[in-house]
PDB file of N, CA and C in Angstrom:
ATOM      1  N   UNK A   1      22.902 -37.181  25.107  1.00  0.00           N
ATOM      2  CA  UNK A   1      21.603 -37.546  25.961  1.00  0.00           C
ATOM      3  C   UNK A   1      21.167 -36.895  26.956  1.00  0.00           C
ATOM      4  N   UNK A   2      20.046 -36.851  27.304  1.00  0.00           N
ATOM      5  CA  UNK A   2      19.550 -36.004  29.050  1.00  0.00           C
ATOM      6  C   UNK A   2      19.651 -36.612  29.864  1.00  0.00           C
ATOM      7  N   UNK A   3      20.023 -36.052  31.063  1.00  0.00           N
ATOM      8  CA  UNK A   3      19.553 -37.248  32.455  1.00  0.00           C
ATOM      9  C   UNK A   3      19.271 -36.032  33.129  1.00  0.00           C
ATOM     10  N   UNK A   4      17.728 -37.364  33.338  1.00  0.00           N
ATOM     11  CA  UNK A   4      16.967 -36.616  34.671  1.00  0.00           C
ATOM     12  C   UNK A   4      17.922 -36.251  35.982  1.00  0.00           C
ATOM     13  N   UNK A   5      17.163 -35.264  36.312  1.00  0.00           N
ATOM     14  CA  UNK A   5      17.722 -34.762  37.915  1.00  0.00           C
ATOM     15  C   UNK A   5      16.134 -35.278  38.931  1.00  0.00           C
ATOM     16  N   UNK A   6      16.710 -36.114  39.154  1.00  0.00           N
ATOM     17  CA  UNK A   6      15.821 -37.642  39.949  1.00  0.00           C
ATOM     18  C   UNK A   6      15.997 -38.145  41.121  1.00  0.00           C
ATOM     19  N   UNK A   7      14.898 -38.106  41.675  1.00  0.00           N
ATOM     20  CA  UNK A   7      15.294 -38.698  43.101  1.00  0.00           C
ATOM     21  C   UNK A   7      15.770 -40.284  42.856  1.00  0.00           C
ATOM     22  N   UNK A   8      15.551 -41.189  41.893  1.00  0.00           N
ATOM     23  CA  UNK A   8      16.209 -42.487  41.947  1.00  0.00           C
ATOM     24  C   UNK A   8      15.915 -42.844  40.769  1.00  0.00           C
ATOM     25  N   UNK A   9      16.232 -44.262  40.257  1.00  0.00           N
ATOM     26  CA  UNK A   9      16.856 -44.756  39.292  1.00  0.00           C
ATOM     27  C   UNK A   9      17.705 -45.472  38.571  1.00  0.00           C
ATOM     28  N   UNK A  10      18.444 -45.735  37.599  1.00  0.00           N
ATOM     29  CA  UNK A  10      19.073 -47.234  37.475  1.00  0.00           C
ATOM     30  C   UNK A  10      20.809 -45.726  37.139  1.00  0.00           C
ATOM     31  N   UNK A  11      21.631 -46.115  37.798  1.00  0.00           N
ATOM     32  CA  UNK A  11      22.388 -44.944  37.682  1.00  0.00           C
ATOM     33  C   UNK A  11      23.185 -44.804  36.227  1.00  0.00           C
ATOM     34  N   UNK A  12      22.553 -45.419  35.258  1.00  0.00           N
ATOM     35  CA  UNK A  12      22.607 -45.027  33.534  1.00  0.00           C
ATOM     36  C   UNK A  12      21.897 -43.738  33.845  1.00  0.00           C
ATOM     37  N   UNK A  13      20.645 -42.770  34.392  1.00  0.00           N
ATOM     38  CA  UNK A  13      20.317 -41.504  34.657  1.00  0.00           C
ATOM     39  C   UNK A  13      20.447 -40.856  35.512  1.00  0.00           C
ATOM     40  N   UNK A  14      21.649 -41.254  36.239  1.00  0.00           N
ATOM     41  CA  UNK A  14      22.135 -40.282  36.609  1.00  0.00           C
ATOM     42  C   UNK A  14      23.103 -39.167  36.049  1.00  0.00           C
ATOM     43  N   UNK A  15      23.198 -37.385  36.394  1.00  0.00           N
ATOM     44  CA  UNK A  15      23.995 -36.715  35.881  1.00  0.00           C
ATOM     45  C   UNK A  15      25.252 -36.903  36.415  1.00  0.00           C
ATOM     46  N   UNK A  16      26.016 -36.555  35.554  1.00  0.00           N
ATOM     47  CA  UNK A  16      27.576 -36.573  36.012  1.00  0.00           C
ATOM     48  C   UNK A  16      28.034 -35.464  37.067  1.00  0.00           C
ATOM     49  N   UNK A  17      28.942 -35.683  38.256  1.00  0.00           N
ATOM     50  CA  UNK A  17      28.926 -35.293  38.834  1.00  0.00           C
ATOM     51  C   UNK A  17      28.399 -35.799  40.831  1.00  0.00           C
ATOM     52  N   UNK A  18      27.108 -36.000  40.150  1.00  0.00           N
ATOM     53  CA  UNK A  18      26.488 -36.681  41.373  1.00  0.00           C
ATOM     54  C   UNK A  18      26.486 -38.006  42.903  1.00  0.00           C
ATOM     55  N   UNK A  19      26.274 -37.675  43.225  1.00  0.00           N
ATOM     56  CA  UNK A  19      26.465 -38.465  44.127  1.00  0.00           C
ATOM     57  C   UNK A  19      25.344 -39.260  44.776  1.00  0.00           C
ATOM     58  N   UNK A  20      25.522 -40.425  44.364  1.00  0.00           N
ATOM     59  CA  UNK A  20      24.336 -41.083  45.342  1.00  0.00           C
ATOM     60  C   UNK A  20      24.533 -42.328  46.094  1.00  0.00           C
ATOM     61  N   UNK A  21      23.677 -42.697  46.328  1.00  0.00           N
ATOM     62  CA  UNK A  21      23.790 -44.390  47.159  1.00  0.00           C
ATOM     63  C   UNK A  21      22.831 -45.565  46.484  1.00  0.00           C
ATOM     64  N   UNK A  22      23.572 -46.722  46.522  1.00  0.00           N
ATOM     65  CA  UNK A  22      22.975 -47.505  45.733  1.00  0.00           C
ATOM     66  C   UNK A  22      21.702 -48.447  47.041  1.00  0.00           C
ATOM     67  N   UNK A  23      20.369 -48.552  45.899  1.00  0.00           N
ATOM     68  CA  UNK A  23      19.214 -48.934  46.524  1.00  0.00           C
ATOM     69  C   UNK A  23      18.757 -50.182  46.550  1.00  0.00           C
ATOM     70  N   UNK A  24      18.895 -50.998  44.980  1.00  0.00           N
ATOM     71  CA  UNK A  24      19.245 -52.278  44.904  1.00  0.00           C
ATOM     72  C   UNK A  24      20.262 -52.491  44.006  1.00  0.00           C
ATOM     73  N   UNK A  25      19.851 -53.978  43.137  1.00  0.00           N
ATOM     74  CA  UNK A  25      21.225 -54.092  41.944  1.00  0.00           C
ATOM     75  C   UNK A  25      20.014 -55.905  41.603  1.00  0.00           C
ATOM     76  N   UNK A  26      20.486 -55.547  40.329  1.00  0.00           N
ATOM     77  CA  UNK A  26      19.755 -56.485  39.780  1.00  0.00           C
ATOM     78  C   UNK A  26      20.370 -58.114  40.146  1.00  0.00           C
ATOM     79  N   UNK A  27      19.493 -59.154  40.690  1.00  0.00           N
ATOM     80  CA  UNK A  27      20.146 -60.612  40.705  1.00  0.00           C
ATOM     81  C   UNK A  27      19.576 -61.425  39.799  1.00  0.00           C
ATOM     82  N   UNK A  28      19.655 -60.859  38.573  1.00  0.00           N
ATOM     83  CA  UNK A  28      19.535 -61.627  37.381  1.00  0.00           C
ATOM     84  C   UNK A  28      20.712 -62.043  37.658  1.00  0.00           C
ATOM     85  N   UNK A  29      21.958 -62.035  37.656  1.00  0.00           N
ATOM     86  CA  UNK A  29      22.737 -62.510  37.029  1.00  0.00           C
ATOM     87  C   UNK A  29      24.621 -62.856  38.000  1.00  0.00           C
ATOM     88  N   UNK A  30      24.614 -64.048  38.326  1.00  0.00           N
ATOM     89  CA  UNK A  30      25.092 -64.401  39.475  1.00  0.00           C
ATOM     90  C   UNK A  30      26.658 -64.016  38.737  1.00  0.00           C
ATOM     91  N   UNK A  31      27.258 -63.892  38.176  1.00  0.00           N
ATOM     92  CA  UNK A  31      27.985 -63.104  37.757  1.00  0.00           C
ATOM     93  C   UNK A  31      28.653 -62.199  38.174  1.00  0.00           C
ATOM     94  N   UNK A  32      27.706 -61.059  36.976  1.00  0.00           N
ATOM     95  CA  UNK A  32      27.214 -59.707  37.738  1.00  0.00           C
ATOM     96  C   UNK A  32      27.812 -59.523  39.536  1.00  0.00           C
ATOM     97  N   UNK A  33      26.668 -60.167  40.160  1.00  0.00           N
ATOM     98  CA  UNK A  33      26.698 -59.787  41.499  1.00  0.00           C
ATOM     99  C   UNK A  33      28.449 -59.948  42.415  1.00  0.00           C
ATOM    100  N   UNK A  34      28.608 -61.681  41.484  1.00  0.00           N
ATOM    101  CA  UNK A  34      30.173 -61.604  42.113  1.00  0.00           C
ATOM    102  C   UNK A  34      31.287 -60.263  41.615  1.00  0.00           C
ATOM    103  N   UNK A  35      31.056 -60.139  40.646  1.00  0.00           N
ATOM    104  CA  UNK A  35      31.793 -58.766  39.724  1.00  0.00           C
ATOM    105  C   UNK A  35      31.439 -57.479  40.816  1.00  0.00           C
ATOM    106  N   UNK A  36      30.219 -57.345  41.044  1.00  0.00           N
ATOM    107  CA  UNK A  36      29.547 -55.626  41.854  1.00  0.00           C
ATOM    108  C   UNK A  36      30.525 -56.262  43.412  1.00  0.00           C
ATOM    109  N   UNK A  37      30.508 -57.155  44.242  1.00  0.00           N
ATOM    110  CA  UNK A  37      31.304 -57.886  45.348  1.00  0.00           C
ATOM    111  C   UNK A  37      32.764 -57.341  45.579  1.00  0.00           C
ATOM    112  N   UNK A  38      33.206 -57.651  44.330  1.00  0.00           N
ATOM    113  CA  UNK A  38      34.931 -57.841  44.413  1.00  0.00           C
ATOM    114  C   UNK A  38      35.161 -56.198  44.250  1.00  0.00           C
ATOM    115  N   UNK A  39      33.888 -55.583  43.675  1.00  0.00           N
ATOM    116  CA  UNK A  39      34.605 -53.873  43.215  1.00  0.00           C
ATOM    117  C   UNK A  39      33.768 -53.319  44.386  1.00  0.00           C
ATOM    118  N   UNK A  40      33.117 -53.996  45.642  1.00  0.00           N
ATOM    119  CA  UNK A  40      32.669 -53.510  46.620  1.00  0.00           C
ATOM    120  C   UNK A  40      31.799 -52.121  46.030  1.00  0.00           C
ATOM    121  N   UNK A  41      30.739 -53.075  45.458  1.00  0.00           N
ATOM    122  CA  UNK A  41      29.180 -52.548  45.033  1.00  0.00           C
ATOM    123  C   UNK A  41      28.528 -53.642  45.519  1.00  0.00           C
ATOM    124  N   UNK A  42      27.360 -52.248  46.627  1.00  0.00           N
ATOM    125  CA  UNK A  42      26.476 -52.912  47.400  1.00  0.00           C
ATOM    126  C   UNK A  42      25.676 -51.955  48.102  1.00  0.00           C
ATOM    127  N   UNK A  43      24.009 -52.529  48.332  1.00  0.00           N
ATOM    128  CA  UNK A  43      22.753 -51.745  48.794  1.00  0.00           C
ATOM    129  C   UNK A  43      23.650 -50.991  49.894  1.00  0.00           C
ATOM    130  N   UNK A  44      23.577 -50.137  49.806  1.00  0.00           N
ATOM    131  CA  UNK A  44      24.160 -48.605  51.089  1.00  0.00           C
ATOM    132  C   UNK A  44      25.249 -48.048  50.316  1.00  0.00           C
ATOM    133  N   UNK A  45      26.087 -48.601  48.983  1.00  0.00           N
ATOM    134  CA  UNK A  45      27.231 -48.327  49.054  1.00  0.00           C
ATOM    135  C   UNK A  45      26.963 -46.907  48.904  1.00  0.00           C
ATOM    136  N   UNK A  46      27.798 -45.665  48.639  1.00  0.00           N
ATOM    137  CA  UNK A  46      27.951 -44.388  48.307  1.00  0.00           C
ATOM    138  C   UNK A  46      28.730 -44.076  47.477  1.00  0.00           C
ATOM    139  N   UNK A  47      28.169 -43.797  45.999  1.00  0.00           N
ATOM    140  CA  UNK A  47      29.224 -43.216  44.735  1.00  0.00           C
ATOM    141  C   UNK A  47      29.473 -41.982  44.601  1.00  0.00           C
ATOM    142  N   UNK A  48      30.218 -41.767  43.581  1.00  0.00           N
ATOM    143  CA  UNK A  48      29.512 -40.564  42.656  1.00  0.00           C
ATOM    144  C   UNK A  48      29.881 -41.286  40.916  1.00  0.00           C
ATOM    145  N   UNK A  49      28.995 -40.239  39.973  1.00  0.00           N
ATOM    146  CA  UNK A  49      29.069 -41.306  38.842  1.00  0.00           C
ATOM    147  C   UNK A  49      30.020 -39.461  38.474  1.00  0.00           C
ATOM    148  N   UNK A  50      30.881 -39.806  37.888  1.00  0.00           N
ATOM    149  CA  UNK A  50      31.904 -39.465  37.291  1.00  0.00           C
ATOM    150  C   UNK A  50      31.509 -38.463  35.624  1.00  0.00           C
ATOM    151  N   UNK A  51      31.514 -39.451  34.607  1.00  0.00           N
ATOM    152  CA  UNK A  51      30.483 -39.366  33.222  1.00  0.00           C
ATOM    153  C   UNK A  51      29.855 -40.766  33.367  1.00  0.00           C
ATOM    154  N   UNK A  52      30.004 -40.264  31.600  1.00  0.00           N
ATOM    155  CA  UNK A  52      29.004 -41.214  31.132  1.00  0.00           C
ATOM    156  C   UNK A  52      29.272 -40.832  29.901  1.00  0.00           C
ATOM    157  N   UNK A  53      29.802 -42.292  28.942  1.00  0.00           N
ATOM    158  CA  UNK A  53      30.276 -42.685  27.502  1.00  0.00           C
ATOM    159  C   UNK A  53      29.988 -43.577  26.614  1.00  0.00           C
ATOM    160  N   UNK A  54      28.404 -42.248  26.086  1.00  0.00           N
ATOM    161  CA  UNK A  54      27.611 -43.428  25.734  1.00  0.00           C
ATOM    162  C   UNK A  54      27.918 -43.872  24.380  1.00  0.00           C
ATOM    163  N   UNK A  55      29.269 -43.568  23.067  1.00  0.00           N
ATOM    164  CA  UNK A  55      29.532 -44.187  22.226  1.00  0.00           C
ATOM    165  C   UNK A  55      30.295 -45.398  22.618  1.00  0.00           C
ATOM    166  N   UNK A  56      30.502 -44.723  23.903  1.00  0.00           N
ATOM    167  CA  UNK A  56      31.635 -46.385  24.194  1.00  0.00           C
ATOM    168  C   UNK A  56      30.768 -47.367  26.033  1.00  0.00           C
ATOM    169  N   UNK A  57      29.385 -46.703  25.690  1.00  0.00           N
ATOM    170  CA  UNK A  57      28.476 -48.066  26.328  1.00  0.00           C
ATOM    171  C   UNK A  57      29.365 -47.822  27.701  1.00  0.00           C
ATOM    172  N   UNK A  58      29.899 -46.452  28.648  1.00  0.00           N
ATOM    173  CA  UNK A  58      30.557 -47.199  29.563  1.00  0.00           C
ATOM    174  C   UNK A  58      29.824 -45.268  30.745  1.00  0.00           C
ATOM    175  N   UNK A  59      30.279 -45.934  32.053  1.00  0.00           N
ATOM    176  CA  UNK A  59      29.832 -45.092  32.768  1.00  0.00           C
ATOM    177  C   UNK A  59      30.834 -45.022  33.767  1.00  0.00           C
ATOM    178  N   UNK A  60      31.165 -44.339  34.234  1.00  0.00           N
ATOM    179  CA  UNK A  60      32.151 -43.797  35.128  1.00  0.00           C
ATOM    180  C   UNK A  60      32.056 -43.661  36.631  1.00  0.00           C
ATOM    181  N   UNK A  61      32.481 -44.174  37.394  1.00  0.00           N
ATOM    182  CA  UNK A  61      32.058 -44.066  39.440  1.00  0.00           C
ATOM    183  C   UNK A  61      33.217 -43.919  39.470  1.00  0.00           C
ATOM    184  N   UNK A  62      33.028 -43.166  41.067  1.00  0.00           N
ATOM    185  CA  UNK A  62      33.919 -43.119  42.072  1.00  0.00           C
ATOM    186  C   UNK A  62      33.661 -44.087  42.737  1.00  0.00           C
ATOM    187  N   UNK A  63      34.162 -44.805  43.524  1.00  0.00           N
ATOM    188  CA  UNK A  63      33.452 -45.263  45.049  1.00  0.00           C
ATOM    189  C   UNK A  63      35.111 -45.680  45.990  1.00  0.00           C
ATOM    190  N   UNK A  64      34.476 -44.602  46.840  1.00  0.00           N
ATOM    191  CA  UNK A  64      35.352 -44.310  48.038  1.00  0.00           C
ATOM    192  C   UNK A  64      36.766 -43.744  46.885  1.00  0.00           C
ATOM    193  N   UNK A  65      38.362 -43.620  46.860  1.00  0.00           N
ATOM    194  CA  UNK A  65      39.163 -43.448  46.630  1.00  0.00           C
ATOM    195  C   UNK A  65      39.591 -43.740  45.063  1.00  0.00           C
ATOM    196  N   UNK A  66      39.023 -44.797  44.708  1.00  0.00           N
ATOM    197  CA  UNK A  66      38.652 -45.826  43.109  1.00  0.00           C
ATOM    198  C   UNK A  66      37.442 -45.146  42.322  1.00  0.00           C
ATOM    199  N   UNK A  67      38.185 -45.209  40.784  1.00  0.00           N
ATOM    200  CA  UNK A  67      37.212 -44.563  40.129  1.00  0.00           C
ATOM    201  C   UNK A  67      37.214 -46.349  38.967  1.00  0.00           C
ATOM    202  N   UNK A  68      35.747 -46.615  38.643  1.00  0.00           N
ATOM    203  CA  UNK A  68      35.851 -47.925  38.041  1.00  0.00           C
ATOM    204  C   UNK A  68      34.986 -47.457  36.888  1.00  0.00           C
ATOM    205  N   UNK A  69      35.287 -48.022  36.096  1.00  0.00           N
ATOM    206  CA  UNK A  69      34.022 -48.093  34.609  1.00  0.00           C
ATOM    207  C   UNK A  69      33.397 -49.256  34.421  1.00  0.00           C
ATOM    208  N   UNK A  70      31.870 -48.559  34.221  1.00  0.00           N
ATOM    209  CA  UNK A  70      31.604 -50.074  34.251  1.00  0.00           C
ATOM    210  C   UNK A  70      30.241 -50.286  32.931  1.00  0.00           C
ATOM    211  N   UNK A  71      30.646 -51.255  32.267  1.00  0.00           N
ATOM    212  CA  UNK A  71      29.428 -51.513  30.858  1.00  0.00           C
ATOM    213  C   UNK A  71      27.980 -50.892  30.730  1.00  0.00           C
ATOM    214  N   UNK A  72      27.586 -51.087  30.301  1.00  0.00           N
ATOM    215  CA  UNK A  72      26.077 -50.525  29.898  1.00  0.00           C
ATOM    216  C   UNK A  72      24.741 -51.385  30.698  1.00  0.00           C
ATOM    217  N   UNK A  73      25.750 -52.754  30.836  1.00  0.00           N
ATOM    218  CA  UNK A  73      24.699 -53.473  30.998  1.00  0.00           C
ATOM    219  C   UNK A  73      24.683 -53.472  32.825  1.00  0.00           C
ATOM    220  N   UNK A  74      25.683 -53.264  33.328  1.00  0.00           N
ATOM    221  CA  UNK A  74      26.383 -53.695  34.413  1.00  0.00           C
ATOM    222  C   UNK A  74      25.504 -51.872  35.151  1.00  0.00           C
ATOM    223  N   UNK A  75      25.412 -50.926  34.733  1.00  0.00           N
ATOM    224  CA  UNK A  75      25.484 -49.961  35.320  1.00  0.00           C
ATOM    225  C   UNK A  75      23.804 -49.640  35.277  1.00  0.00           C
ATOM    226  N   UNK A  76      23.252 -50.364  34.005  1.00  0.00           N
ATOM    227  CA  UNK A  76      21.683 -50.388  33.998  1.00  0.00           C
ATOM    228  C   UNK A  76      21.272 -51.320  35.277  1.00  0.00           C
ATOM    229  N   UNK A  77      22.320 -52.458  36.063  1.00  0.00           N
ATOM    230  CA  UNK A  77      21.694 -53.621  36.702  1.00  0.00           C
ATOM    231  C   UNK A  77      21.822 -52.301  37.822  1.00  0.00           C
ATOM    232  N   UNK A  78      22.100 -51.303  38.647  1.00  0.00           N
ATOM    233  CA  UNK A  78      22.173 -51.147  39.785  1.00  0.00           C
ATOM    234  C   UNK A  78      21.670 -49.739  39.425  1.00  0.00           C
ATOM    235  N   UNK A  79      20.625 -49.597  40.813  1.00  0.00           N
ATOM    236  CA  UNK A  79      19.617 -48.820  41.154  1.00  0.00           C
ATOM    237  C   UNK A  79      20.112 -47.644  41.928  1.00  0.00           C
ATOM    238  N   UNK A  80      19.836 -47.053  42.348  1.00  0.00           N
ATOM    239  CA  UNK A  80      20.588 -45.517  43.109  1.00  0.00           C
ATOM    240  C   UNK A  80      19.462 -44.557  43.295  1.00  0.00           C
ATOM    241  N   UNK A  81      19.829 -44.273  44.288  1.00  0.00           N
ATOM    242  CA  UNK A  81      18.560 -43.243  45.178  1.00  0.00           C
ATOM    243  C   UNK A  81      19.443 -41.401  45.619  1.00  0.00           C
ATOM    244  N   UNK A  82      19.498 -40.210  45.092  1.00  0.00           N
ATOM    245  CA  UNK A  82      20.178 -39.158  45.194  1.00  0.00           C
ATOM    246  C   UNK A  82      20.075 -38.988  46.717  1.00  0.00           C
ATOM    247  N   UNK A  83      21.411 -37.881  47.418  1.00  0.00           N
ATOM    248  CA  UNK A  83      21.806 -38.031  48.218  1.00  0.00           C
ATOM    249  C   UNK A  83      21.346 -36.527  48.583  1.00  0.00           C
TER     250      UNK A  83
END
């Protein structure tokens, strides 16, 4: 999968090893919003994309000192801007 070096986009479009800041999270699913809150993910949160595993539909991110695996629907619901 080719990743764009874009200033902004969904989490799935970010190259691994890049640090980004969340600008928006989809509010279409209230349960997913609660899940993101439990993970400490919200607007202005800085995180690093560690890896995309497209065959497993998983994106691994680092938030603070914690690594988190997000499924495809969760990763697509988060919009970020490059730092």
